[in-house]
Protein backbone atom coordinates (compact mmCIF):
# COMPACT_ATOMS: atom_id res chain seq x y z
CA MET A 1 137.66 16.08 5.42
CA GLY A 2 136.17 12.50 5.72
CA MET A 3 137.43 9.52 4.09
CA GLN A 4 135.59 8.79 0.94
CA ASP A 5 134.58 5.20 0.00
CA LYS A 6 136.40 3.66 -2.73
CA PRO A 7 134.64 3.05 -5.81
CA LEU A 8 133.64 -0.48 -6.32
CA THR A 9 135.76 -2.53 -8.97
CA ALA A 10 134.10 -4.05 -12.00
CA TRP A 11 134.35 -7.38 -10.26
CA GLN A 12 132.63 -6.22 -7.19
CA GLU A 13 129.86 -4.36 -9.06
CA TRP A 14 129.29 -7.40 -11.29
CA ARG A 15 129.11 -10.03 -8.41
CA ALA A 16 126.47 -7.74 -6.52
CA GLN A 17 124.11 -8.05 -9.39
CA PRO A 18 121.24 -10.54 -8.88
CA ASP A 19 121.68 -11.78 -12.18
CA SER A 20 125.20 -12.25 -12.19
CA ILE A 21 125.09 -16.15 -12.45
CA ASP A 22 122.50 -15.94 -15.40
CA VAL A 23 124.98 -13.62 -17.04
CA LEU A 24 127.92 -15.87 -16.36
CA CYS A 25 126.20 -19.05 -17.54
CA ALA A 26 125.07 -17.28 -20.79
CA ARG A 27 128.69 -16.33 -21.51
CA ILE A 28 129.87 -19.82 -20.86
CA VAL A 29 127.21 -21.42 -23.02
CA ASN A 30 128.38 -19.13 -25.63
CA GLY A 31 131.78 -20.61 -25.50
CA GLU A 32 133.69 -17.69 -23.71
CA THR A 33 136.49 -19.03 -21.48
CA LEU A 34 136.41 -18.49 -17.67
CA THR A 35 139.82 -16.76 -18.36
CA ALA A 36 138.23 -14.28 -20.76
CA ILE A 37 135.19 -13.72 -18.45
CA ALA A 38 137.62 -13.02 -15.49
CA ARG A 39 139.70 -10.65 -17.47
CA SER A 40 136.56 -8.72 -18.63
CA LEU A 41 135.72 -7.98 -15.05
CA ASN A 42 139.42 -7.27 -13.99
CA ALA A 43 139.42 -10.34 -11.64
CA GLY A 44 141.66 -13.50 -11.70
CA VAL A 45 140.21 -16.81 -12.84
CA ALA A 46 140.74 -18.19 -9.29
CA THR A 47 138.51 -15.31 -7.76
CA LEU A 48 135.91 -16.32 -10.31
CA THR A 49 136.12 -20.04 -9.70
CA ASP A 50 136.21 -19.44 -5.99
CA TRP A 51 132.99 -17.04 -6.25
CA ILE A 52 131.47 -20.07 -8.31
CA ALA A 53 132.30 -22.71 -5.83
CA ALA A 54 131.15 -20.92 -2.85
CA ASP A 55 127.55 -21.41 -3.48
CA PRO A 56 126.24 -24.91 -4.59
CA GLU A 57 123.52 -23.57 -6.66
CA ARG A 58 126.06 -21.53 -8.64
CA SER A 59 128.28 -24.24 -8.95
CA ALA A 60 125.46 -26.52 -10.45
CA ARG A 61 124.39 -23.76 -12.69
CA ALA A 62 128.08 -23.21 -13.99
CA ARG A 63 128.67 -26.89 -14.33
CA GLU A 64 125.25 -27.23 -16.63
CA ALA A 65 126.33 -24.05 -18.54
CA ARG A 66 129.72 -25.84 -19.26
CA ILE A 67 127.80 -29.03 -20.37
CA ALA A 68 125.63 -26.91 -22.77
CA ALA A 69 128.60 -25.11 -24.04
CA ALA A 70 130.22 -28.42 -25.54
CA GLY A 71 127.65 -27.90 -28.50
CA SER A 72 129.24 -24.46 -29.28
CA TYR A 73 132.77 -25.86 -29.21
CA GLU A 74 131.77 -28.11 -32.24
CA GLU A 75 130.49 -25.09 -34.07
CA GLN A 76 133.67 -23.18 -33.08
CA ALA A 77 135.94 -25.97 -34.57
CA LEU A 78 133.87 -25.90 -37.85
CA ASP A 79 134.38 -22.14 -38.02
CA GLU A 80 138.04 -22.40 -37.49
CA LEU A 81 138.28 -24.94 -40.23
CA ARG A 82 136.08 -23.21 -42.72
CA ASP A 83 138.08 -19.75 -42.16
CA ALA A 84 141.42 -21.10 -42.90
CA ALA A 85 142.57 -19.04 -45.80
CA ASP A 86 146.00 -20.89 -46.27
CA PRO A 87 147.85 -24.23 -45.58
CA PHE A 88 149.28 -22.75 -42.42
CA ALA A 89 145.96 -21.41 -41.21
CA LEU A 90 144.53 -24.74 -41.99
CA ALA A 91 147.22 -26.60 -39.97
CA LYS A 92 146.49 -24.15 -37.07
CA ALA A 93 142.70 -24.58 -37.44
CA LYS A 94 143.12 -28.40 -37.07
CA GLU A 95 144.96 -28.19 -33.87
CA VAL A 96 142.37 -25.61 -32.52
CA ALA A 97 139.53 -28.05 -33.76
CA HIS A 98 141.14 -30.97 -32.18
CA HIS A 99 141.46 -29.05 -28.80
CA LEU A 100 137.77 -27.85 -29.06
CA ARG A 101 136.66 -31.53 -29.68
CA TRP A 102 138.86 -32.46 -26.66
CA LYS A 103 137.36 -29.81 -24.60
CA ALA A 104 133.89 -30.80 -25.57
CA SER A 105 134.62 -34.44 -24.68
CA LYS A 106 135.50 -33.24 -21.16
CA ALA A 107 132.58 -30.76 -20.66
CA ASN A 108 129.95 -33.32 -21.90
CA PRO A 109 131.35 -36.82 -22.02
CA ARG A 110 128.07 -38.60 -22.61
CA MET A 111 127.56 -36.54 -25.96
CA TYR A 112 131.06 -35.94 -27.00
CA GLY A 113 133.39 -38.49 -25.25
CA GLU A 114 134.93 -41.63 -26.49
CA LYS A 115 132.43 -44.27 -27.04
CA LEU A 116 133.53 -47.32 -25.19
CA ASP A 117 133.08 -50.88 -26.51
CA VAL A 118 131.79 -52.84 -23.45
CA THR A 119 131.00 -55.93 -25.10
CA ALA A 120 132.58 -59.21 -23.95
CA GLU A 121 132.81 -62.73 -25.44
CA VAL A 122 132.14 -65.49 -22.90
CA GLY A 123 133.24 -68.98 -23.87
CA ILE A 124 131.51 -71.94 -22.45
CA LYS A 125 133.13 -75.27 -22.71
CA ALA A 126 130.48 -77.91 -23.42
CA LEU A 127 131.29 -81.26 -21.74
CA PRO A 128 129.78 -84.59 -22.82
CA ASP A 129 127.33 -86.04 -20.22
CA ASP A 130 129.79 -88.64 -18.83
CA GLN A 131 132.56 -85.91 -18.19
CA LEU A 132 130.08 -83.55 -16.81
CA LEU A 133 128.77 -86.37 -14.25
CA LYS A 134 132.23 -87.16 -13.34
CA ARG A 135 133.08 -83.56 -12.75
CA ALA A 136 129.78 -83.07 -10.55
CA GLN A 137 130.74 -86.20 -8.46
CA GLU A 138 134.20 -84.70 -7.74
CA LEU A 139 132.56 -81.43 -6.60
CA ALA A 140 130.03 -83.52 -4.48
CA VAL A 141 132.82 -85.29 -2.71
CA LYS A 142 134.55 -81.86 -1.82
CA LEU A 143 131.01 -80.62 -0.62
CA GLY A 144 130.48 -83.96 1.44
CA ILE A 145 127.48 -85.13 -0.37
CA GLY A 146 126.71 -88.11 -2.46
CA LEU A 147 125.18 -88.15 -6.24
CA ASP A 148 123.84 -91.29 -7.67
CA THR A 149 124.57 -92.25 -11.34
CA THR A 150 121.94 -89.74 -12.60
CA GLY A 151 123.85 -87.00 -10.80
CA SER A 152 120.79 -86.68 -8.21
CA VAL A 153 121.74 -86.28 -4.42
CA SER A 154 121.64 -89.71 -3.03
CA ALA A 155 122.53 -89.09 0.51
CA GLN A 156 124.46 -86.64 2.77
CA LYS A 157 127.87 -88.04 3.51
CA ASN A 158 129.05 -85.67 6.19
CA SER A 159 126.72 -83.26 8.08
CA LEU A 160 128.08 -79.80 8.48
């Protein structure tokens, strides 16, 4: 009696499918977590993430799917809030919605991340002409050049 081949696991069957990355990306875009996907395939999350990371194209596609999924997190948050039937459920829904907004901000920071204020005020101190000329002459001495009374270079004091 010969040794029979063991049947393939759900994970082995799934990853052997040519469209497995398409199916994975669709599930991610629909808001399914990697944990839930791995569980449905009787695989560990590490196994699934290792499989994704092992191929640059798969990795890029999964990353794009996570970015696209950020929009579904917003919808899930609204659903949670709308479905709350009592004060306890509403409090729980607010926490879930907060987490989903955070998750969206990490998956797609350009669209859902914190908006940063990158403005700056720069103060320029205006000096009267006589003080400006005096300061220019002080700097000219340090540089070894001469300035006339109009602020024009009059002569090179030191040659470098």
